[in-house]
């Protein structure tokens, strides 16, 4: 498996239970902080063009702001209509005060 770790956010910029938009390595990402553990997914809903970071987090689920489509934050799995496919999730790690994401394909 190839690796390409890039800094996507500072730890302090993503409050627990919160999220942040990040554009790194030609990718539009959503960075989430669930209880001090960081996750990353594509930021665009697969149903219609909407940024998931404009939506709301409910537990471990991100809900799209347009039509209520929802995805599991940890896996990117779509949770039913109107979602027709999953979003990509990316490995993350914390190095010092930085949240890094492995954006390798």
PDB file of N, CA and C in Angstrom:
ATOM      1  N   UNK A   1       0.845  -1.186   0.000  1.00  0.00           N
ATOM      2  CA  UNK A   1       0.000   0.000   0.000  1.00  0.00           C
ATOM      3  C   UNK A   1       0.885   1.243   0.000  1.00  0.00           C
ATOM      4  N   UNK A   2       0.634   2.141  -0.920  1.00  0.00           N
ATOM      5  CA  UNK A   2       1.420   3.360  -0.970  1.00  0.00           C
ATOM      6  C   UNK A   2       0.914   4.358   0.068  1.00  0.00           C
ATOM      7  N   UNK A   3       1.791   5.252   0.423  1.00  0.00           N
ATOM      8  CA  UNK A   3       1.427   6.274   1.402  1.00  0.00           C
ATOM      9  C   UNK A   3       1.814   7.648   0.895  1.00  0.00           C
ATOM     10  N   UNK A   4       0.944   8.606   1.160  1.00  0.00           N
ATOM     11  CA  UNK A   4       1.216  10.011   0.869  1.00  0.00           C
ATOM     12  C   UNK A   4       0.533  10.822   1.960  1.00  0.00           C
ATOM     13  N   UNK A   5       1.228  11.015   3.073  1.00  0.00           N
ATOM     14  CA  UNK A   5       0.667  11.727   4.219  1.00  0.00           C
ATOM     15  C   UNK A   5       0.803  13.226   4.010  1.00  0.00           C
ATOM     16  N   UNK A   6      -0.292  13.940   4.198  1.00  0.00           N
ATOM     17  CA  UNK A   6      -0.293  15.400   4.079  1.00  0.00           C
ATOM     18  C   UNK A   6      -0.997  15.989   5.295  1.00  0.00           C
ATOM     19  N   UNK A   7      -0.578  17.172   5.688  1.00  0.00           N
ATOM     20  CA  UNK A   7      -1.239  17.871   6.794  1.00  0.00           C
ATOM     21  C   UNK A   7      -2.547  18.446   6.281  1.00  0.00           C
ATOM     22  N   UNK A   8      -3.647  18.086   6.959  1.00  0.00           N
ATOM     23  CA  UNK A   8      -4.967  18.539   6.536  1.00  0.00           C
ATOM     24  C   UNK A   8      -5.555  19.572   7.486  1.00  0.00           C
ATOM     25  N   UNK A   9      -5.108  19.573   8.740  1.00  0.00           N
ATOM     26  CA  UNK A   9      -5.650  20.506   9.731  1.00  0.00           C
ATOM     27  C   UNK A   9      -4.744  20.504  10.957  1.00  0.00           C
ATOM     28  N   UNK A  10      -4.942  21.498  11.786  1.00  0.00           N
ATOM     29  CA  UNK A  10      -4.326  21.496  13.113  1.00  0.00           C
ATOM     30  C   UNK A  10      -5.315  20.877  14.086  1.00  0.00           C
ATOM     31  N   UNK A  11      -4.804  20.119  15.036  1.00  0.00           N
ATOM     32  CA  UNK A  11      -5.664  19.469  16.023  1.00  0.00           C
ATOM     33  C   UNK A  11      -6.610  20.484  16.662  1.00  0.00           C
ATOM     34  N   UNK A  12      -6.091  21.645  17.023  1.00  0.00           N
ATOM     35  CA  UNK A  12      -6.892  22.662  17.721  1.00  0.00           C
ATOM     36  C   UNK A  12      -7.996  23.253  16.853  1.00  0.00           C
ATOM     37  N   UNK A  13      -7.900  23.079  15.525  1.00  0.00           N
ATOM     38  CA  UNK A  13      -8.897  23.658  14.614  1.00  0.00           C
ATOM     39  C   UNK A  13     -10.146  22.794  14.440  1.00  0.00           C
ATOM     40  N   UNK A  14     -10.128  21.566  14.980  1.00  0.00           N
ATOM     41  CA  UNK A  14     -11.270  20.665  14.823  1.00  0.00           C
ATOM     42  C   UNK A  14     -11.715  20.227  16.222  1.00  0.00           C
ATOM     43  N   UNK A  15     -12.691  20.926  16.762  1.00  0.00           N
ATOM     44  CA  UNK A  15     -13.165  20.673  18.124  1.00  0.00           C
ATOM     45  C   UNK A  15     -13.800  19.283  18.214  1.00  0.00           C
ATOM     46  N   UNK A  16     -13.771  18.663  19.393  1.00  0.00           N
ATOM     47  CA  UNK A  16     -14.458  17.381  19.564  1.00  0.00           C
ATOM     48  C   UNK A  16     -15.921  17.495  19.137  1.00  0.00           C
ATOM     49  N   UNK A  17     -16.371  16.551  18.333  1.00  0.00           N
ATOM     50  CA  UNK A  17     -17.733  16.577  17.810  1.00  0.00           C
ATOM     51  C   UNK A  17     -17.892  17.494  16.613  1.00  0.00           C
ATOM     52  N   UNK A  18     -16.779  18.058  16.137  1.00  0.00           N
ATOM     53  CA  UNK A  18     -16.817  19.013  15.036  1.00  0.00           C
ATOM     54  C   UNK A  18     -16.156  18.487  13.781  1.00  0.00           C
ATOM     55  N   UNK A  19     -16.135  19.335  12.769  1.00  0.00           N
ATOM     56  CA  UNK A  19     -15.536  18.983  11.487  1.00  0.00           C
ATOM     57  C   UNK A  19     -14.968  20.226  10.829  1.00  0.00           C
ATOM     58  N   UNK A  20     -14.111  19.994   9.842  1.00  0.00           N
ATOM     59  CA  UNK A  20     -13.468  21.093   9.129  1.00  0.00           C
ATOM     60  C   UNK A  20     -13.234  20.671   7.685  1.00  0.00           C
ATOM     61  N   UNK A  21     -13.446  21.594   6.785  1.00  0.00           N
ATOM     62  CA  UNK A  21     -13.153  21.392   5.365  1.00  0.00           C
ATOM     63  C   UNK A  21     -11.649  21.564   5.148  1.00  0.00           C
ATOM     64  N   UNK A  22     -11.076  20.726   4.290  1.00  0.00           N
ATOM     65  CA  UNK A  22      -9.654  20.849   3.943  1.00  0.00           C
ATOM     66  C   UNK A  22      -9.472  20.493   2.476  1.00  0.00           C
ATOM     67  N   UNK A  23      -8.683  21.291   1.773  1.00  0.00           N
ATOM     68  CA  UNK A  23      -8.317  20.974   0.399  1.00  0.00           C
ATOM     69  C   UNK A  23      -6.835  20.700   0.378  1.00  0.00           C
ATOM     70  N   UNK A  24      -6.497  19.422   0.142  1.00  0.00           N
ATOM     71  CA  UNK A  24      -5.098  18.999   0.116  1.00  0.00           C
ATOM     72  C   UNK A  24      -4.900  18.007  -1.008  1.00  0.00           C
ATOM     73  N   UNK A  25      -3.759  18.080  -1.657  1.00  0.00           N
ATOM     74  CA  UNK A  25      -3.387  17.133  -2.717  1.00  0.00           C
ATOM     75  C   UNK A  25      -4.524  16.939  -3.725  1.00  0.00           C
ATOM     76  N   UNK A  26      -5.117  18.040  -4.161  1.00  0.00           N
ATOM     77  CA  UNK A  26      -6.209  18.011  -5.142  1.00  0.00           C
ATOM     78  C   UNK A  26      -7.434  17.247  -4.668  1.00  0.00           C
ATOM     79  N   UNK A  27      -7.610  17.139  -3.353  1.00  0.00           N
ATOM     80  CA  UNK A  27      -8.770  16.456  -2.787  1.00  0.00           C
ATOM     81  C   UNK A  27      -9.549  17.428  -1.903  1.00  0.00           C
ATOM     82  N   UNK A  28     -10.857  17.299  -1.941  1.00  0.00           N
ATOM     83  CA  UNK A  28     -11.763  18.099  -1.124  1.00  0.00           C
ATOM     84  C   UNK A  28     -12.211  17.190   0.024  1.00  0.00           C
ATOM     85  N   UNK A  29     -11.672  17.426   1.219  1.00  0.00           N
ATOM     86  CA  UNK A  29     -11.881  16.526   2.349  1.00  0.00           C
ATOM     87  C   UNK A  29     -12.687  17.150   3.473  1.00  0.00           C
ATOM     88  N   UNK A  30     -13.320  16.280   4.250  1.00  0.00           N
ATOM     89  CA  UNK A  30     -13.930  16.657   5.521  1.00  0.00           C
ATOM     90  C   UNK A  30     -13.116  15.959   6.607  1.00  0.00           C
ATOM     91  N   UNK A  31     -12.662  16.725   7.587  1.00  0.00           N
ATOM     92  CA  UNK A  31     -11.910  16.189   8.717  1.00  0.00           C
ATOM     93  C   UNK A  31     -12.827  16.249   9.930  1.00  0.00           C
ATOM     94  N   UNK A  32     -12.976  15.130  10.630  1.00  0.00           N
ATOM     95  CA  UNK A  32     -13.891  15.029  11.770  1.00  0.00           C
ATOM     96  C   UNK A  32     -13.111  14.696  13.037  1.00  0.00           C
ATOM     97  N   UNK A  33     -13.594  15.194  14.167  1.00  0.00           N
ATOM     98  CA  UNK A  33     -13.039  14.853  15.476  1.00  0.00           C
ATOM     99  C   UNK A  33     -14.154  14.202  16.280  1.00  0.00           C
ATOM    100  N   UNK A  34     -14.064  12.887  16.450  1.00  0.00           N
ATOM    101  CA  UNK A  34     -15.048  12.155  17.243  1.00  0.00           C
ATOM    102  C   UNK A  34     -14.381  11.732  18.547  1.00  0.00           C
ATOM    103  N   UNK A  35     -14.583  12.522  19.590  1.00  0.00           N
ATOM    104  CA  UNK A  35     -14.025  12.181  20.898  1.00  0.00           C
ATOM    105  C   UNK A  35     -12.521  12.146  20.950  1.00  0.00           C
ATOM    106  N   UNK A  36     -11.861  12.963  20.148  1.00  0.00           N
ATOM    107  CA  UNK A  36     -10.403  13.015  20.151  1.00  0.00           C
ATOM    108  C   UNK A  36      -9.753  12.119  19.107  1.00  0.00           C
ATOM    109  N   UNK A  37     -10.554  11.341  18.382  1.00  0.00           N
ATOM    110  CA  UNK A  37     -10.040  10.532  17.279  1.00  0.00           C
ATOM    111  C   UNK A  37     -10.465  11.202  15.982  1.00  0.00           C
ATOM    112  N   UNK A  38      -9.511  11.335  15.062  1.00  0.00           N
ATOM    113  CA  UNK A  38      -9.763  12.059  13.823  1.00  0.00           C
ATOM    114  C   UNK A  38     -10.041  11.097  12.666  1.00  0.00           C
ATOM    115  N   UNK A  39     -10.956  11.519  11.796  1.00  0.00           N
ATOM    116  CA  UNK A  39     -11.343  10.762  10.610  1.00  0.00           C
ATOM    117  C   UNK A  39     -11.377  11.720   9.431  1.00  0.00           C
ATOM    118  N   UNK A  40     -11.254  11.161   8.231  1.00  0.00           N
ATOM    119  CA  UNK A  40     -11.326  11.974   7.014  1.00  0.00           C
ATOM    120  C   UNK A  40     -12.113  11.228   5.949  1.00  0.00           C
ATOM    121  N   UNK A  41     -12.959  11.986   5.246  1.00  0.00           N
ATOM    122  CA  UNK A  41     -13.710  11.453   4.108  1.00  0.00           C
ATOM    123  C   UNK A  41     -13.692  12.486   2.998  1.00  0.00           C
ATOM    124  N   UNK A  42     -14.134  12.052   1.808  1.00  0.00           N
ATOM    125  CA  UNK A  42     -14.431  13.043   0.780  1.00  0.00           C
ATOM    126  C   UNK A  42     -15.498  13.968   1.345  1.00  0.00           C
ATOM    127  N   UNK A  43     -15.500  15.205   0.917  1.00  0.00           N
ATOM    128  CA  UNK A  43     -16.407  16.203   1.472  1.00  0.00           C
ATOM    129  C   UNK A  43     -17.670  16.387   0.640  1.00  0.00           C
ATOM    130  N   UNK A  44     -17.694  15.861  -0.571  1.00  0.00           N
ATOM    131  CA  UNK A  44     -18.846  16.069  -1.449  1.00  0.00           C
ATOM    132  C   UNK A  44     -19.816  14.893  -1.353  1.00  0.00           C
ATOM    133  N   UNK A  45     -21.082  15.193  -1.131  1.00  0.00           N
ATOM    134  CA  UNK A  45     -22.120  14.169  -1.082  1.00  0.00           C
ATOM    135  C   UNK A  45     -22.212  13.485  -2.443  1.00  0.00           C
ATOM    136  N   UNK A  46     -22.433  12.170  -2.442  1.00  0.00           N
ATOM    137  CA  UNK A  46     -22.532  11.434  -3.703  1.00  0.00           C
ATOM    138  C   UNK A  46     -23.903  11.572  -4.363  1.00  0.00           C
ATOM    139  N   UNK A  47     -24.880  12.105  -3.653  1.00  0.00           N
ATOM    140  CA  UNK A  47     -26.235  12.247  -4.203  1.00  0.00           C
ATOM    141  C   UNK A  47     -26.386  13.519  -5.024  1.00  0.00           C
ATOM    142  N   UNK A  48     -25.942  14.632  -4.458  1.00  0.00           N
ATOM    143  CA  UNK A  48     -26.048  15.927  -5.137  1.00  0.00           C
ATOM    144  C   UNK A  48     -24.889  16.777  -4.659  1.00  0.00           C
ATOM    145  N   UNK A  49     -24.518  17.753  -5.453  1.00  0.00           N
ATOM    146  CA  UNK A  49     -23.362  18.572  -5.092  1.00  0.00           C
ATOM    147  C   UNK A  49     -23.658  19.376  -3.827  1.00  0.00           C
ATOM    148  N   UNK A  50     -23.110  18.911  -2.732  1.00  0.00           N
ATOM    149  CA  UNK A  50     -23.216  19.606  -1.451  1.00  0.00           C
ATOM    150  C   UNK A  50     -22.012  19.229  -0.620  1.00  0.00           C
ATOM    151  N   UNK A  51     -21.524  20.178   0.154  1.00  0.00           N
ATOM    152  CA  UNK A  51     -20.396  19.922   1.030  1.00  0.00           C
ATOM    153  C   UNK A  51     -20.900  19.341   2.349  1.00  0.00           C
ATOM    154  N   UNK A  52     -20.398  18.181   2.693  1.00  0.00           N
ATOM    155  CA  UNK A  52     -20.825  17.533   3.937  1.00  0.00           C
ATOM    156  C   UNK A  52     -20.480  18.376   5.155  1.00  0.00           C
ATOM    157  N   UNK A  53     -19.414  19.162   5.077  1.00  0.00           N
ATOM    158  CA  UNK A  53     -19.058  20.025   6.210  1.00  0.00           C
ATOM    159  C   UNK A  53     -20.064  21.146   6.430  1.00  0.00           C
ATOM    160  N   UNK A  54     -21.028  21.306   5.515  1.00  0.00           N
ATOM    161  CA  UNK A  54     -22.137  22.236   5.738  1.00  0.00           C
ATOM    162  C   UNK A  54     -23.316  21.520   6.409  1.00  0.00           C
ATOM    163  N   UNK A  55     -23.177  20.217   6.604  1.00  0.00           N
ATOM    164  CA  UNK A  55     -24.227  19.412   7.221  1.00  0.00           C
ATOM    165  C   UNK A  55     -24.061  19.329   8.729  1.00  0.00           C
ATOM    166  N   UNK A  56     -24.624  18.270   9.302  1.00  0.00           N
ATOM    167  CA  UNK A  56     -24.575  18.103  10.759  1.00  0.00           C
ATOM    168  C   UNK A  56     -24.088  16.704  11.116  1.00  0.00           C
ATOM    169  N   UNK A  57     -23.391  16.646  12.244  1.00  0.00           N
ATOM    170  CA  UNK A  57     -22.927  15.372  12.787  1.00  0.00           C
ATOM    171  C   UNK A  57     -23.937  14.908  13.828  1.00  0.00           C
ATOM    172  N   UNK A  58     -24.309  13.634  13.731  1.00  0.00           N
ATOM    173  CA  UNK A  58     -25.175  13.005  14.723  1.00  0.00           C
ATOM    174  C   UNK A  58     -24.475  11.720  15.160  1.00  0.00           C
ATOM    175  N   UNK A  59     -23.792  11.775  16.282  1.00  0.00           N
ATOM    176  CA  UNK A  59     -23.014  10.627  16.742  1.00  0.00           C
ATOM    177  C   UNK A  59     -21.842  10.379  15.825  1.00  0.00           C
ATOM    178  N   UNK A  60     -21.883   9.251  15.108  1.00  0.00           N
ATOM    179  CA  UNK A  60     -20.817   8.892  14.172  1.00  0.00           C
ATOM    180  C   UNK A  60     -21.281   8.981  12.726  1.00  0.00           C
ATOM    181  N   UNK A  61     -22.314   9.805  12.496  1.00  0.00           N
ATOM    182  CA  UNK A  61     -22.911   9.947  11.166  1.00  0.00           C
ATOM    183  C   UNK A  61     -22.878  11.413  10.748  1.00  0.00           C
ATOM    184  N   UNK A  62     -22.532  11.652   9.473  1.00  0.00           N
ATOM    185  CA  UNK A  62     -22.608  12.995   8.907  1.00  0.00           C
ATOM    186  C   UNK A  62     -23.819  13.029   7.976  1.00  0.00           C
ATOM    187  N   UNK A  63     -24.646  14.062   8.153  1.00  0.00           N
ATOM    188  CA  UNK A  63     -25.840  14.206   7.337  1.00  0.00           C
ATOM    189  C   UNK A  63     -25.661  15.352   6.366  1.00  0.00           C
ATOM    190  N   UNK A  64     -25.941  15.099   5.106  1.00  0.00           N
ATOM    191  CA  UNK A  64     -25.841  16.094   4.045  1.00  0.00           C
ATOM    192  C   UNK A  64     -26.855  17.213   4.285  1.00  0.00           C
ATOM    193  N   UNK A  65     -26.471  18.467   4.011  1.00  0.00           N
ATOM    194  CA  UNK A  65     -27.390  19.579   4.249  1.00  0.00           C
ATOM    195  C   UNK A  65     -28.517  19.703   3.229  1.00  0.00           C
ATOM    196  N   UNK A  66     -28.426  19.046   2.075  1.00  0.00           N
ATOM    197  CA  UNK A  66     -29.452  19.231   1.036  1.00  0.00           C
ATOM    198  C   UNK A  66     -30.655  18.309   1.172  1.00  0.00           C
ATOM    199  N   UNK A  67     -30.427  17.017   1.175  1.00  0.00           N
ATOM    200  CA  UNK A  67     -31.547  16.081   1.115  1.00  0.00           C
ATOM    201  C   UNK A  67     -31.533  15.055   2.233  1.00  0.00           C
ATOM    202  N   UNK A  68     -30.690  15.256   3.242  1.00  0.00           N
ATOM    203  CA  UNK A  68     -30.686  14.379   4.404  1.00  0.00           C
ATOM    204  C   UNK A  68     -29.983  13.056   4.213  1.00  0.00           C
ATOM    205  N   UNK A  69     -29.245  12.897   3.132  1.00  0.00           N
ATOM    206  CA  UNK A  69     -28.449  11.684   2.967  1.00  0.00           C
ATOM    207  C   UNK A  69     -27.425  11.600   4.081  1.00  0.00           C
ATOM    208  N   UNK A  70     -27.098  10.400   4.502  1.00  0.00           N
ATOM    209  CA  UNK A  70     -26.193  10.246   5.637  1.00  0.00           C
ATOM    210  C   UNK A  70     -25.115   9.205   5.342  1.00  0.00           C
ATOM    211  N   UNK A  71     -23.951   9.413   5.960  1.00  0.00           N
ATOM    212  CA  UNK A  71     -22.814   8.524   5.798  1.00  0.00           C
ATOM    213  C   UNK A  71     -22.196   8.235   7.160  1.00  0.00           C
ATOM    214  N   UNK A  72     -21.669   7.011   7.315  1.00  0.00           N
ATOM    215  CA  UNK A  72     -20.870   6.702   8.497  1.00  0.00           C
ATOM    216  C   UNK A  72     -19.548   7.440   8.370  1.00  0.00           C
ATOM    217  N   UNK A  73     -19.190   8.216   9.381  1.00  0.00           N
ATOM    218  CA  UNK A  73     -17.951   8.991   9.331  1.00  0.00           C
ATOM    219  C   UNK A  73     -16.732   8.071   9.300  1.00  0.00           C
ATOM    220  N   UNK A  74     -16.738   7.004  10.080  1.00  0.00           N
ATOM    221  CA  UNK A  74     -15.565   6.137  10.194  1.00  0.00           C
ATOM    222  C   UNK A  74     -15.267   5.349   8.923  1.00  0.00           C
ATOM    223  N   UNK A  75     -16.296   5.044   8.130  1.00  0.00           N
ATOM    224  CA  UNK A  75     -16.099   4.176   6.965  1.00  0.00           C
ATOM    225  C   UNK A  75     -16.477   4.808   5.630  1.00  0.00           C
ATOM    226  N   UNK A  76     -17.293   5.868   5.653  1.00  0.00           N
ATOM    227  CA  UNK A  76     -17.790   6.476   4.423  1.00  0.00           C
ATOM    228  C   UNK A  76     -19.007   5.777   3.846  1.00  0.00           C
ATOM    229  N   UNK A  77     -19.498   4.754   4.528  1.00  0.00           N
ATOM    230  CA  UNK A  77     -20.640   3.968   4.035  1.00  0.00           C
ATOM    231  C   UNK A  77     -21.904   4.816   3.974  1.00  0.00           C
ATOM    232  N   UNK A  78     -22.575   4.794   2.817  1.00  0.00           N
ATOM    233  CA  UNK A  78     -23.846   5.474   2.660  1.00  0.00           C
ATOM    234  C   UNK A  78     -24.938   4.730   3.414  1.00  0.00           C
ATOM    235  N   UNK A  79     -25.830   5.493   4.053  1.00  0.00           N
ATOM    236  CA  UNK A  79     -26.846   4.891   4.916  1.00  0.00           C
ATOM    237  C   UNK A  79     -28.247   4.987   4.329  1.00  0.00           C
ATOM    238  N   UNK A  80     -28.405   4.599   3.079  1.00  0.00           N
ATOM    239  CA  UNK A  80     -29.728   4.542   2.471  1.00  0.00           C
ATOM    240  C   UNK A  80     -30.065   5.759   1.624  1.00  0.00           C
ATOM    241  N   UNK A  81     -31.265   5.718   1.050  1.00  0.00           N
ATOM    242  CA  UNK A  81     -31.740   6.760   0.127  1.00  0.00           C
ATOM    243  C   UNK A  81     -31.676   8.136   0.784  1.00  0.00           C
ATOM    244  N   UNK A  82     -31.306   9.157   0.019  1.00  0.00           N
ATOM    245  CA  UNK A  82     -31.099   9.149  -1.425  1.00  0.00           C
ATOM    246  C   UNK A  82     -29.664   8.804  -1.843  1.00  0.00           C
ATOM    247  N   UNK A  83     -28.837   8.325  -0.939  1.00  0.00           N
ATOM    248  CA  UNK A  83     -27.440   8.009  -1.255  1.00  0.00           C
ATOM    249  C   UNK A  83     -27.380   6.771  -2.147  1.00  0.00           C
ATOM    250  N   UNK A  84     -26.642   6.860  -3.252  1.00  0.00           N
ATOM    251  CA  UNK A  84     -26.527   5.715  -4.155  1.00  0.00           C
ATOM    252  C   UNK A  84     -25.147   5.085  -4.141  1.00  0.00           C
ATOM    253  N   UNK A  85     -24.181   5.713  -3.468  1.00  0.00           N
ATOM    254  CA  UNK A  85     -22.867   5.094  -3.308  1.00  0.00           C
ATOM    255  C   UNK A  85     -22.159   5.725  -2.110  1.00  0.00           C
ATOM    256  N   UNK A  86     -21.152   5.021  -1.625  1.00  0.00           N
ATOM    257  CA  UNK A  86     -20.394   5.462  -0.465  1.00  0.00           C
ATOM    258  C   UNK A  86     -19.467   6.621  -0.841  1.00  0.00           C
ATOM    259  N   UNK A  87     -18.935   7.281   0.183  1.00  0.00           N
ATOM    260  CA  UNK A  87     -17.863   8.246  -0.024  1.00  0.00           C
ATOM    261  C   UNK A  87     -16.566   7.579   0.416  1.00  0.00           C
ATOM    262  N   UNK A  88     -15.467   8.061  -0.097  1.00  0.00           N
ATOM    263  CA  UNK A  88     -14.165   7.500   0.261  1.00  0.00           C
ATOM    264  C   UNK A  88     -13.757   8.013   1.637  1.00  0.00           C
ATOM    265  N   UNK A  89     -13.204   7.105   2.436  1.00  0.00           N
ATOM    266  CA  UNK A  89     -12.617   7.499   3.709  1.00  0.00           C
ATOM    267  C   UNK A  89     -11.102   7.336   3.598  1.00  0.00           C
ATOM    268  N   UNK A  90     -10.374   8.074   4.418  1.00  0.00           N
ATOM    269  CA  UNK A  90      -8.917   8.096   4.345  1.00  0.00           C
ATOM    270  C   UNK A  90      -8.324   7.851   5.728  1.00  0.00           C
ATOM    271  N   UNK A  91      -7.196   7.129   5.789  1.00  0.00           N
ATOM    272  CA  UNK A  91      -6.509   6.961   7.074  1.00  0.00           C
ATOM    273  C   UNK A  91      -6.002   8.312   7.588  1.00  0.00           C
ATOM    274  N   UNK A  92      -6.032   8.482   8.897  1.00  0.00           N
ATOM    275  CA  UNK A  92      -5.520   9.703   9.522  1.00  0.00           C
ATOM    276  C   UNK A  92      -4.544   9.344  10.632  1.00  0.00           C
ATOM    277  N   UNK A  93      -3.742  10.315  11.014  1.00  0.00           N
ATOM    278  CA  UNK A  93      -2.867  10.194  12.170  1.00  0.00           C
ATOM    279  C   UNK A  93      -2.590  11.595  12.694  1.00  0.00           C
ATOM    280  N   UNK A  94      -2.220  11.671  13.951  1.00  0.00           N
ATOM    281  CA  UNK A  94      -1.848  12.949  14.552  1.00  0.00           C
ATOM    282  C   UNK A  94      -0.344  12.934  14.761  1.00  0.00           C
ATOM    283  N   UNK A  95       0.315  13.957  14.236  1.00  0.00           N
ATOM    284  CA  UNK A  95       1.750  14.127  14.407  1.00  0.00           C
ATOM    285  C   UNK A  95       1.961  15.511  15.011  1.00  0.00           C
ATOM    286  N   UNK A  96       2.366  15.547  16.276  1.00  0.00           N
ATOM    287  CA  UNK A  96       2.488  16.825  16.969  1.00  0.00           C
ATOM    288  C   UNK A  96       1.126  17.467  17.078  1.00  0.00           C
ATOM    289  N   UNK A  97       0.995  18.672  16.503  1.00  0.00           N
ATOM    290  CA  UNK A  97      -0.303  19.377  16.553  1.00  0.00           C
ATOM    291  C   UNK A  97      -1.037  19.320  15.209  1.00  0.00           C
ATOM    292  N   UNK A  98      -0.588  18.413  14.322  1.00  0.00           N
ATOM    293  CA  UNK A  98      -1.163  18.330  12.965  1.00  0.00           C
ATOM    294  C   UNK A  98      -1.970  17.046  12.785  1.00  0.00           C
ATOM    295  N   UNK A  99      -3.085  17.177  12.092  1.00  0.00           N
ATOM    296  CA  UNK A  99      -3.860  16.022  11.651  1.00  0.00           C
ATOM    297  C   UNK A  99      -3.390  15.738  10.220  1.00  0.00           C
ATOM    298  N   UNK A 100      -2.838  14.558  10.023  1.00  0.00           N
ATOM    299  CA  UNK A 100      -2.357  14.160   8.704  1.00  0.00           C
ATOM    300  C   UNK A 100      -3.298  13.116   8.104  1.00  0.00           C
ATOM    301  N   UNK A 101      -3.424  13.169   6.783  1.00  0.00           N
ATOM    302  CA  UNK A 101      -4.291  12.257   6.057  1.00  0.00           C
ATOM    303  C   UNK A 101      -3.447  11.575   4.975  1.00  0.00           C
ATOM    304  N   UNK A 102      -3.635  10.259   4.830  1.00  0.00           N
ATOM    305  CA  UNK A 102      -2.973   9.523   3.767  1.00  0.00           C
ATOM    306  C   UNK A 102      -3.873   9.602   2.527  1.00  0.00           C
ATOM    307  N   UNK A 103      -3.468  10.406   1.558  1.00  0.00           N
ATOM    308  CA  UNK A 103      -4.281  10.643   0.363  1.00  0.00           C
ATOM    309  C   UNK A 103      -3.851   9.784  -0.826  1.00  0.00           C
ATOM    310  N   UNK A 104      -2.971   8.808  -0.595  1.00  0.00           N
ATOM    311  CA  UNK A 104      -2.526   7.932  -1.686  1.00  0.00           C
ATOM    312  C   UNK A 104      -3.709   7.122  -2.211  1.00  0.00           C
ATOM    313  N   UNK A 105      -3.753   6.937  -3.511  1.00  0.00           N
ATOM    314  CA  UNK A 105      -4.825   6.132  -4.115  1.00  0.00           C
ATOM    315  C   UNK A 105      -4.481   4.664  -4.078  1.00  0.00           C
TER     316      UNK A 105
END
